[in-house]
Amino acid sequence: MVNKQDYLNSINQNIDMVRGDTLDFNFQLQGLTEEECETLKVTFAITDNYALGAQVEVDTASGITLEEYTDGVALFNVRLSPDATKNMDVARYFYDLQIKNDTDVITLMRGILTLLPEVAG
């Protein structure tokens, strides 16, 4: 069961990345069963305007995987392919990382994602 009190505040973390590069990072969750982790929907979304919704989004069906589950700790991997950002403007965007189950939506991480120009193309 995902408990809101375990996630009272999301982590505010800004990310700088080169446009057209791969974004790849891991995060851990604890307090869920392996079955709950396998059915959990995890979403990483990027937008420049909250009102318009996500411009880029990956989730457990398209780029976020449960890598391992050991002793009550789940390790997830978030991977955003180079194609996801290669045609986006060099600019600042908003992003968030959320987990969802049947009853809850919890934002674990959010912040500004800055796309930087690449030196060599």
N, C-alpha and C. Protein backbone atom coordinates (compact mmCIF):
# COMPACT_ATOMS: atom_id res chain seq x y z
N MET A 1 0.84 -1.18 0.00
CA MET A 1 0.00 0.00 0.00
C MET A 1 0.88 1.24 0.00
N VAL A 2 0.63 2.15 -0.89
CA VAL A 2 1.36 3.41 -0.95
C VAL A 2 0.72 4.36 0.06
N ASN A 3 1.50 4.84 0.99
CA ASN A 3 0.99 5.73 2.02
C ASN A 3 1.47 7.15 1.79
N LYS A 4 0.54 8.08 1.68
CA LYS A 4 0.87 9.48 1.41
C LYS A 4 1.80 10.04 2.47
N GLN A 5 1.65 9.65 3.73
CA GLN A 5 2.49 10.20 4.79
C GLN A 5 3.97 9.83 4.59
N ASP A 6 4.25 8.79 3.80
CA ASP A 6 5.63 8.44 3.51
C ASP A 6 6.26 9.38 2.49
N TYR A 7 5.44 10.17 1.80
CA TYR A 7 5.92 11.04 0.74
C TYR A 7 5.32 12.44 0.90
N LEU A 8 5.48 13.03 2.08
CA LEU A 8 4.86 14.33 2.33
C LEU A 8 5.39 15.42 1.41
N ASN A 9 6.65 15.37 1.11
CA ASN A 9 7.24 16.37 0.23
C ASN A 9 8.00 15.66 -0.87
N SER A 10 7.79 16.09 -2.08
CA SER A 10 8.57 15.53 -3.16
C SER A 10 9.97 16.14 -3.12
N ILE A 11 10.92 15.42 -3.66
CA ILE A 11 12.28 15.94 -3.75
C ILE A 11 12.31 16.95 -4.88
N ASN A 12 12.78 18.14 -4.60
CA ASN A 12 12.95 19.16 -5.64
C ASN A 12 14.39 19.07 -6.13
N GLN A 13 14.53 18.66 -7.37
CA GLN A 13 15.87 18.46 -7.94
C GLN A 13 15.87 18.97 -9.37
N ASN A 14 16.72 19.93 -9.66
CA ASN A 14 16.86 20.41 -11.03
C ASN A 14 17.82 19.51 -11.79
N ILE A 15 17.55 19.35 -13.09
CA ILE A 15 18.36 18.49 -13.94
C ILE A 15 18.83 19.31 -15.15
N ASP A 16 20.12 19.26 -15.43
CA ASP A 16 20.67 19.82 -16.67
C ASP A 16 21.05 18.65 -17.55
N MET A 17 20.65 18.69 -18.80
CA MET A 17 21.04 17.64 -19.73
C MET A 17 21.22 18.23 -21.12
N VAL A 18 22.04 17.59 -21.92
CA VAL A 18 22.27 18.03 -23.29
C VAL A 18 21.13 17.51 -24.16
N ARG A 19 20.56 18.41 -24.95
CA ARG A 19 19.48 18.02 -25.87
C ARG A 19 19.95 16.88 -26.76
N GLY A 20 19.13 15.84 -26.87
CA GLY A 20 19.45 14.71 -27.72
C GLY A 20 20.33 13.65 -27.06
N ASP A 21 20.66 13.83 -25.78
CA ASP A 21 21.40 12.81 -25.04
C ASP A 21 20.43 11.89 -24.31
N THR A 22 20.96 10.81 -23.79
CA THR A 22 20.17 9.88 -22.98
C THR A 22 20.14 10.36 -21.54
N LEU A 23 18.96 10.37 -20.94
CA LEU A 23 18.82 10.61 -19.51
C LEU A 23 18.54 9.25 -18.88
N ASP A 24 19.35 8.86 -17.91
CA ASP A 24 19.23 7.54 -17.32
C ASP A 24 19.57 7.64 -15.84
N PHE A 25 18.62 7.27 -14.97
CA PHE A 25 18.89 7.28 -13.54
C PHE A 25 18.03 6.23 -12.84
N ASN A 26 18.45 5.87 -11.64
CA ASN A 26 17.73 4.89 -10.82
C ASN A 26 17.16 5.58 -9.59
N PHE A 27 16.11 4.99 -9.05
CA PHE A 27 15.60 5.41 -7.74
C PHE A 27 15.05 4.18 -7.03
N GLN A 28 14.98 4.28 -5.71
CA GLN A 28 14.52 3.17 -4.90
C GLN A 28 13.23 3.52 -4.18
N LEU A 29 12.39 2.52 -3.99
CA LEU A 29 11.19 2.61 -3.16
C LEU A 29 11.23 1.48 -2.16
N GLN A 30 10.80 1.76 -0.96
CA GLN A 30 10.68 0.68 0.02
C GLN A 30 9.32 0.76 0.67
N GLY A 31 8.91 -0.33 1.28
CA GLY A 31 7.63 -0.37 1.96
C GLY A 31 6.51 -0.94 1.11
N LEU A 32 6.83 -1.39 -0.09
CA LEU A 32 5.84 -2.02 -0.96
C LEU A 32 6.24 -3.47 -1.19
N THR A 33 5.25 -4.31 -1.44
CA THR A 33 5.55 -5.69 -1.79
C THR A 33 6.06 -5.74 -3.22
N GLU A 34 6.66 -6.85 -3.58
CA GLU A 34 7.14 -7.01 -4.95
C GLU A 34 5.97 -6.95 -5.94
N GLU A 35 4.86 -7.56 -5.57
CA GLU A 35 3.67 -7.53 -6.43
C GLU A 35 3.16 -6.10 -6.63
N GLU A 36 3.14 -5.30 -5.55
CA GLU A 36 2.71 -3.90 -5.67
C GLU A 36 3.66 -3.13 -6.59
N CYS A 37 4.94 -3.39 -6.49
CA CYS A 37 5.92 -2.72 -7.34
C CYS A 37 5.75 -3.09 -8.81
N GLU A 38 5.43 -4.35 -9.06
CA GLU A 38 5.25 -4.82 -10.44
C GLU A 38 4.01 -4.22 -11.09
N THR A 39 3.01 -3.85 -10.31
CA THR A 39 1.77 -3.28 -10.87
C THR A 39 1.72 -1.76 -10.75
N LEU A 40 2.69 -1.18 -10.10
CA LEU A 40 2.74 0.27 -9.92
C LEU A 40 3.02 0.95 -11.25
N LYS A 41 2.31 2.04 -11.53
CA LYS A 41 2.62 2.83 -12.72
C LYS A 41 3.53 3.96 -12.30
N VAL A 42 4.68 4.05 -12.95
CA VAL A 42 5.65 5.10 -12.68
C VAL A 42 5.74 5.95 -13.95
N THR A 43 5.68 7.28 -13.80
CA THR A 43 5.68 8.19 -14.94
C THR A 43 6.70 9.30 -14.73
N PHE A 44 7.50 9.57 -15.77
CA PHE A 44 8.40 10.71 -15.80
C PHE A 44 7.93 11.58 -16.96
N ALA A 45 7.52 12.83 -16.66
CA ALA A 45 6.93 13.69 -17.68
C ALA A 45 7.63 15.05 -17.71
N ILE A 46 7.73 15.62 -18.92
CA ILE A 46 8.37 16.92 -19.14
C ILE A 46 7.40 17.80 -19.91
N THR A 47 7.31 19.08 -19.51
CA THR A 47 6.48 20.05 -20.23
C THR A 47 7.04 21.45 -20.05
N ASP A 48 6.69 22.34 -20.97
CA ASP A 48 7.04 23.75 -20.77
C ASP A 48 5.82 24.54 -20.33
N ASN A 49 4.66 23.87 -20.26
CA ASN A 49 3.42 24.54 -19.86
C ASN A 49 2.51 23.51 -19.20
N TYR A 50 2.30 23.67 -17.90
CA TYR A 50 1.46 22.71 -17.17
C TYR A 50 0.08 22.56 -17.78
N ALA A 51 -0.47 23.62 -18.30
CA ALA A 51 -1.83 23.58 -18.86
C ALA A 51 -1.92 22.70 -20.10
N LEU A 52 -0.81 22.50 -20.80
CA LEU A 52 -0.83 21.71 -22.03
C LEU A 52 -0.52 20.24 -21.81
N GLY A 53 -0.11 19.88 -20.61
CA GLY A 53 0.23 18.48 -20.34
C GLY A 53 1.65 18.15 -20.78
N ALA A 54 1.97 16.88 -20.74
CA ALA A 54 3.34 16.43 -21.02
C ALA A 54 3.68 16.53 -22.50
N GLN A 55 4.86 17.05 -22.77
CA GLN A 55 5.40 17.03 -24.13
C GLN A 55 6.18 15.75 -24.37
N VAL A 56 6.84 15.29 -23.32
CA VAL A 56 7.59 14.04 -23.35
C VAL A 56 7.18 13.26 -22.11
N GLU A 57 6.93 11.97 -22.28
CA GLU A 57 6.54 11.15 -21.14
C GLU A 57 7.02 9.73 -21.36
N VAL A 58 7.61 9.17 -20.31
CA VAL A 58 7.93 7.74 -20.29
C VAL A 58 7.29 7.15 -19.04
N ASP A 59 6.89 5.90 -19.14
CA ASP A 59 6.28 5.25 -17.98
C ASP A 59 6.68 3.79 -17.95
N THR A 60 6.05 3.02 -17.10
CA THR A 60 6.42 1.62 -16.94
C THR A 60 6.13 0.79 -18.19
N ALA A 61 5.43 1.36 -19.16
CA ALA A 61 5.21 0.65 -20.42
C ALA A 61 6.21 1.09 -21.49
N SER A 62 6.99 2.16 -21.21
CA SER A 62 7.82 2.71 -22.29
C SER A 62 9.11 3.38 -21.83
N GLY A 63 9.84 2.79 -20.92
CA GLY A 63 11.12 3.39 -20.57
C GLY A 63 11.45 3.37 -19.09
N ILE A 64 10.50 2.97 -18.25
CA ILE A 64 10.78 2.85 -16.81
C ILE A 64 10.60 1.38 -16.44
N THR A 65 11.63 0.82 -15.83
CA THR A 65 11.60 -0.61 -15.51
C THR A 65 11.91 -0.85 -14.04
N LEU A 66 11.31 -1.90 -13.53
CA LEU A 66 11.65 -2.41 -12.20
C LEU A 66 12.86 -3.30 -12.40
N GLU A 67 14.03 -2.84 -11.96
CA GLU A 67 15.28 -3.56 -12.20
C GLU A 67 15.46 -4.73 -11.23
N GLU A 68 15.15 -4.50 -9.96
CA GLU A 68 15.27 -5.58 -8.99
C GLU A 68 14.45 -5.26 -7.75
N TYR A 69 14.14 -6.30 -7.02
CA TYR A 69 13.43 -6.19 -5.75
C TYR A 69 14.14 -7.08 -4.75
N THR A 70 14.73 -6.49 -3.71
CA THR A 70 15.49 -7.25 -2.73
C THR A 70 15.18 -6.74 -1.33
N ASP A 71 14.78 -7.63 -0.45
CA ASP A 71 14.57 -7.31 0.97
C ASP A 71 13.67 -6.09 1.17
N GLY A 72 12.59 -6.01 0.41
CA GLY A 72 11.62 -4.93 0.57
C GLY A 72 12.00 -3.62 -0.10
N VAL A 73 13.07 -3.62 -0.88
CA VAL A 73 13.51 -2.41 -1.58
C VAL A 73 13.44 -2.66 -3.09
N ALA A 74 12.71 -1.80 -3.78
CA ALA A 74 12.58 -1.90 -5.24
C ALA A 74 13.50 -0.89 -5.89
N LEU A 75 14.23 -1.32 -6.91
CA LEU A 75 15.10 -0.45 -7.68
C LEU A 75 14.48 -0.26 -9.05
N PHE A 76 14.12 0.98 -9.37
CA PHE A 76 13.55 1.32 -10.67
C PHE A 76 14.58 2.08 -11.50
N ASN A 77 14.52 1.91 -12.82
CA ASN A 77 15.36 2.65 -13.75
C ASN A 77 14.48 3.50 -14.65
N VAL A 78 14.86 4.76 -14.78
CA VAL A 78 14.18 5.69 -15.69
C VAL A 78 15.14 5.97 -16.83
N ARG A 79 14.69 5.73 -18.07
CA ARG A 79 15.53 5.96 -19.24
C ARG A 79 14.75 6.74 -20.28
N LEU A 80 15.29 7.91 -20.61
CA LEU A 80 14.72 8.76 -21.65
C LEU A 80 15.67 8.70 -22.83
N SER A 81 15.20 8.20 -23.97
CA SER A 81 16.07 8.00 -25.13
C SER A 81 16.45 9.34 -25.77
N PRO A 82 17.52 9.37 -26.54
CA PRO A 82 17.94 10.60 -27.21
C PRO A 82 16.86 11.19 -28.12
N ASP A 83 16.07 10.32 -28.76
CA ASP A 83 15.01 10.81 -29.66
C ASP A 83 13.96 11.66 -28.94
N ALA A 84 13.80 11.45 -27.65
CA ALA A 84 12.77 12.16 -26.90
C ALA A 84 13.02 13.66 -26.82
N THR A 85 14.29 14.08 -26.82
CA THR A 85 14.59 15.50 -26.67
C THR A 85 15.32 16.13 -27.85
N LYS A 86 15.71 15.32 -28.85
CA LYS A 86 16.56 15.86 -29.91
C LYS A 86 15.92 16.99 -30.72
N ASN A 87 14.59 17.03 -30.81
CA ASN A 87 13.92 18.09 -31.57
C ASN A 87 13.30 19.17 -30.69
N MET A 88 13.56 19.09 -29.38
CA MET A 88 13.02 20.10 -28.47
C MET A 88 13.93 21.33 -28.47
N ASP A 89 13.36 22.47 -28.13
CA ASP A 89 14.14 23.70 -28.04
C ASP A 89 15.07 23.64 -26.84
N VAL A 90 16.23 24.28 -26.98
CA VAL A 90 17.11 24.48 -25.84
C VAL A 90 16.40 25.48 -24.95
N ALA A 91 15.98 25.02 -23.77
CA ALA A 91 15.15 25.85 -22.89
C ALA A 91 15.02 25.17 -21.55
N ARG A 92 14.25 25.81 -20.67
CA ARG A 92 13.93 25.22 -19.37
C ARG A 92 12.52 24.65 -19.42
N TYR A 93 12.35 23.47 -18.83
CA TYR A 93 11.09 22.77 -18.79
C TYR A 93 10.80 22.35 -17.35
N PHE A 94 9.55 22.03 -17.08
CA PHE A 94 9.16 21.46 -15.80
C PHE A 94 9.11 19.94 -15.98
N TYR A 95 9.45 19.22 -14.93
CA TYR A 95 9.32 17.77 -14.99
C TYR A 95 8.80 17.26 -13.65
N ASP A 96 8.24 16.06 -13.66
CA ASP A 96 7.94 15.37 -12.42
C ASP A 96 8.02 13.86 -12.61
N LEU A 97 8.26 13.18 -11.50
CA LEU A 97 8.31 11.73 -11.45
C LEU A 97 7.23 11.31 -10.47
N GLN A 98 6.25 10.53 -10.96
CA GLN A 98 5.11 10.14 -10.13
C GLN A 98 4.97 8.63 -10.10
N ILE A 99 4.41 8.16 -8.98
CA ILE A 99 3.97 6.77 -8.89
C ILE A 99 2.47 6.78 -8.71
N LYS A 100 1.83 5.78 -9.33
CA LYS A 100 0.36 5.70 -9.27
C LYS A 100 -0.03 4.24 -9.03
N ASN A 101 -1.04 4.08 -8.17
CA ASN A 101 -1.67 2.77 -8.03
C ASN A 101 -3.17 2.98 -8.23
N ASP A 102 -3.98 2.06 -7.80
CA ASP A 102 -5.43 2.17 -8.03
C ASP A 102 -6.06 3.38 -7.34
N THR A 103 -5.49 3.84 -6.25
CA THR A 103 -6.13 4.91 -5.48
C THR A 103 -5.30 6.16 -5.29
N ASP A 104 -4.00 6.09 -5.48
CA ASP A 104 -3.14 7.22 -5.15
C ASP A 104 -2.27 7.65 -6.33
N VAL A 105 -1.95 8.94 -6.34
CA VAL A 105 -0.94 9.51 -7.22
C VAL A 105 0.00 10.28 -6.33
N ILE A 106 1.28 9.92 -6.36
CA ILE A 106 2.25 10.56 -5.48
C ILE A 106 3.43 11.05 -6.31
N THR A 107 3.73 12.33 -6.19
CA THR A 107 4.87 12.90 -6.88
C THR A 107 6.10 12.72 -6.00
N LEU A 108 7.06 11.96 -6.51
CA LEU A 108 8.27 11.69 -5.76
C LEU A 108 9.35 12.75 -5.99
N MET A 109 9.41 13.25 -7.21
CA MET A 109 10.48 14.17 -7.57
C MET A 109 9.94 15.15 -8.60
N ARG A 110 10.39 16.41 -8.51
CA ARG A 110 9.97 17.42 -9.48
C ARG A 110 11.01 18.51 -9.53
N GLY A 111 10.96 19.31 -10.58
CA GLY A 111 11.90 20.42 -10.68
C GLY A 111 11.95 20.97 -12.09
N ILE A 112 13.07 21.62 -12.37
CA ILE A 112 13.31 22.22 -13.69
C ILE A 112 14.31 21.34 -14.42
N LEU A 113 13.98 20.99 -15.65
CA LEU A 113 14.90 20.28 -16.52
C LEU A 113 15.37 21.27 -17.57
N THR A 114 16.65 21.54 -17.60
CA THR A 114 17.21 22.48 -18.57
C THR A 114 17.88 21.70 -19.69
N LEU A 115 17.40 21.91 -20.91
CA LEU A 115 18.04 21.30 -22.08
C LEU A 115 19.13 22.25 -22.57
N LEU A 116 20.32 21.73 -22.64
CA LEU A 116 21.48 22.51 -23.05
C LEU A 116 21.85 22.17 -24.48
N PRO A 117 22.47 23.11 -25.20
CA PRO A 117 22.89 22.80 -26.58
C PRO A 117 24.07 21.83 -26.56
N GLU A 118 24.14 21.02 -27.60
CA GLU A 118 25.28 20.13 -27.72
C GLU A 118 26.41 20.83 -28.46
N VAL A 119 27.63 20.48 -28.13
CA VAL A 119 28.78 21.11 -28.77
C VAL A 119 29.03 20.48 -30.13
N ALA A 120 28.99 19.16 -30.18
CA ALA A 120 29.21 18.44 -31.44
C ALA A 120 27.96 17.66 -31.78
N GLY A 121 27.53 17.70 -33.01
CA GLY A 121 26.30 17.04 -33.37
C GLY A 121 26.50 15.88 -34.23
